[in-house]
């Protein structure tokens, strides 16, 4: 029985770690795509509109 609990805990940790890895990979991919577009357009940054105030500011990572 302790072995079963051990393997279940390992499986849950592996699943959570895998999900965290996928989230981080998606974040890095989005950032690199934005950097690539900025380089192609020769821009210094990406402006993002604040929906509450209507003002624009540089995108933050």
Protein backbone atom coordinates (compact mmCIF):
# COMPACT_ATOMS: atom_id res chain seq x y z
CA UNK A 1 0.00 0.00 0.00
CA UNK A 2 2.77 2.55 0.77
CA UNK A 3 4.25 1.90 -2.67
CA UNK A 4 0.93 2.73 -4.30
CA UNK A 5 0.68 6.01 -2.39
CA UNK A 6 4.28 6.81 -3.32
CA UNK A 7 3.65 6.25 -7.04
CA UNK A 8 0.42 8.26 -6.94
CA UNK A 9 2.29 11.18 -5.32
CA UNK A 10 5.05 10.91 -7.94
CA UNK A 11 2.46 10.88 -10.74
CA UNK A 12 0.70 13.97 -9.37
CA UNK A 13 4.00 15.84 -8.99
CA UNK A 14 5.00 14.86 -12.54
CA UNK A 15 1.65 16.04 -13.93
CA UNK A 16 1.83 19.38 -12.11
CA UNK A 17 5.43 19.85 -13.24
CA UNK A 18 4.51 19.07 -16.84
CA UNK A 19 1.66 21.59 -16.78
CA UNK A 20 3.99 24.25 -15.34
CA UNK A 21 6.52 23.46 -18.05
CA UNK A 22 3.88 23.90 -20.77
CA UNK A 23 2.73 27.24 -19.32
CA UNK A 24 6.30 28.52 -19.23
CA UNK A 25 6.97 27.31 -22.78
CA UNK A 26 3.85 29.09 -24.05
CA UNK A 27 4.90 32.31 -22.28
CA UNK A 28 8.39 32.18 -23.77
CA UNK A 29 7.00 31.39 -27.22
CA UNK A 30 4.64 34.39 -27.08
CA UNK A 31 7.47 36.67 -25.96
CA UNK A 32 9.85 35.47 -28.67
CA UNK A 33 7.17 35.91 -31.33
CA UNK A 34 6.59 39.48 -30.12
CA UNK A 35 10.33 40.18 -30.18
CA UNK A 36 10.55 38.77 -33.71
CA UNK A 37 7.70 41.00 -34.89
CA UNK A 38 9.29 44.04 -33.23
CA UNK A 39 12.60 43.32 -34.98
CA UNK A 40 10.84 42.89 -38.32
CA UNK A 41 9.10 46.26 -37.89
CA UNK A 42 12.19 47.91 -36.39
CA UNK A 43 10.13 49.07 -33.44
CA UNK A 44 11.37 49.74 -29.92
CA UNK A 45 8.50 47.99 -28.14
CA UNK A 46 4.89 46.97 -28.28
CA UNK A 47 2.22 49.34 -27.05
CA UNK A 48 -0.73 47.93 -25.11
CA UNK A 49 -3.92 49.87 -24.42
CA UNK A 50 -5.11 50.00 -20.82
CA UNK A 51 -8.86 49.23 -21.04
CA UNK A 52 -9.67 51.16 -17.87
CA UNK A 53 -7.92 54.47 -18.64
CA UNK A 54 -7.57 54.23 -22.42
CA UNK A 55 -3.88 55.12 -22.23
CA UNK A 56 -1.14 53.18 -23.98
CA UNK A 57 1.98 51.82 -22.30
CA UNK A 58 4.82 49.46 -23.22
CA UNK A 59 4.03 45.78 -22.86
CA UNK A 60 5.57 44.14 -19.81
CA UNK A 61 6.89 40.59 -19.69
